[in-house]
Protein backbone atom coordinates (compact mmCIF):
# COMPACT_ATOMS: atom_id res chain seq x y z
CA UNK A 1 176.42 68.20 142.13
CA UNK A 2 176.14 64.60 143.24
CA UNK A 3 177.60 63.03 140.12
CA UNK A 4 176.09 60.11 138.28
CA UNK A 5 172.53 60.42 139.56
CA UNK A 6 172.38 64.03 138.44
CA UNK A 7 173.83 63.17 135.03
CA UNK A 8 171.07 60.61 134.52
CA UNK A 9 168.41 63.02 135.77
CA UNK A 10 169.58 65.82 133.47
CA UNK A 11 169.90 63.39 130.55
CA UNK A 12 166.32 62.18 131.15
CA UNK A 13 165.15 65.80 131.32
CA UNK A 14 166.76 66.48 127.93
CA UNK A 15 165.26 63.30 126.48
CA UNK A 16 161.78 64.20 127.69
CA UNK A 17 161.96 67.83 126.59
CA UNK A 18 162.78 66.75 123.01
CA UNK A 19 159.53 64.77 122.76
CA UNK A 20 156.38 66.06 121.09
CA UNK A 21 154.28 68.55 123.02
CA UNK A 22 151.39 66.10 123.43
CA UNK A 23 153.59 63.73 125.46
CA UNK A 24 152.15 63.19 128.96
CA UNK A 25 155.59 63.10 130.63
CA UNK A 26 156.47 66.49 129.20
CA UNK A 27 153.14 68.01 130.24
CA UNK A 28 153.55 66.71 133.79
CA UNK A 29 157.14 67.94 133.98
CA UNK A 30 156.22 71.47 132.88
CA UNK A 31 152.76 71.75 134.39
CA UNK A 32 151.52 72.66 137.80
CA UNK A 33 149.02 70.87 139.97
CA UNK A 34 145.59 72.47 140.22
CA UNK A 35 144.17 73.37 143.61
CA UNK A 36 145.57 74.65 146.88
CA UNK A 37 148.94 73.51 148.17
CA UNK A 38 149.35 71.65 151.44
CA UNK A 39 150.30 73.26 154.72
CA UNK A 40 153.91 73.50 155.78
CA UNK A 41 157.13 73.81 153.85
CA UNK A 42 156.68 73.39 150.08
CA UNK A 43 158.28 70.30 148.61
CA UNK A 44 161.23 70.71 146.30
CA UNK A 45 159.93 70.46 142.75
CA UNK A 46 161.74 68.47 140.10
CA UNK A 47 162.15 71.57 137.94
CA UNK A 48 163.65 73.46 140.90
CA UNK A 49 166.48 70.90 140.99
CA UNK A 50 167.02 71.24 137.23
CA UNK A 51 167.28 75.04 137.59
CA UNK A 52 169.64 74.74 140.56
CA UNK A 53 171.92 72.14 138.93
CA UNK A 54 172.18 73.86 135.54
CA UNK A 55 172.00 77.50 136.60
CA UNK A 56 169.60 78.14 133.70
CA UNK A 57 165.97 79.20 133.62
CA UNK A 58 163.35 76.70 132.47
CA UNK A 59 163.04 78.45 129.10
CA UNK A 60 166.80 78.47 128.53
CA UNK A 61 167.23 74.83 129.49
CA UNK A 62 164.29 73.67 127.34
CA UNK A 63 165.72 75.59 124.37
CA UNK A 64 169.14 74.05 124.95
CA UNK A 65 167.72 70.50 125.04
CA UNK A 66 166.56 70.85 121.42
CA UNK A 67 170.17 70.35 120.30
CA UNK A 68 171.10 66.96 121.75
CA UNK A 69 174.88 67.30 121.38
CA UNK A 70 174.91 70.79 122.88
CA UNK A 71 172.81 69.59 125.86
CA UNK A 72 175.04 66.55 126.44
CA UNK A 73 178.19 68.68 126.47
CA UNK A 74 176.57 71.21 128.80
CA UNK A 75 175.42 68.52 131.27
CA UNK A 76 178.85 66.90 131.42
CA UNK A 77 180.44 70.34 131.85
CA UNK A 78 178.13 71.19 134.75
CA UNK A 79 178.59 67.86 136.51
CA UNK A 80 182.34 67.59 135.93
CA UNK A 81 183.71 71.14 135.90
CA UNK A 82 187.35 71.46 134.99
CA UNK A 83 189.55 73.55 137.22
CA UNK A 84 191.95 75.58 135.14
CA UNK A 85 195.27 76.57 136.71
CA UNK A 86 197.12 79.61 135.58
């Protein structure tokens, strides 16, 4: 992972996912755009980066964000993995 930027992105994801369901940000983050997609290579979606960085599915990550402390520890563990010797 690229460090600080990803920490802030994952922290914002956790913050947004803890909001009420009627929140527009949360609906946009989880929703899909109606209509046909454009020609060419598909753009990388925001949620694709979250899945790639955390290694969790969308359902697992949204469940984990409900517990703020657990999510914070997980994000810092993913971004700054410790290498154990021995």
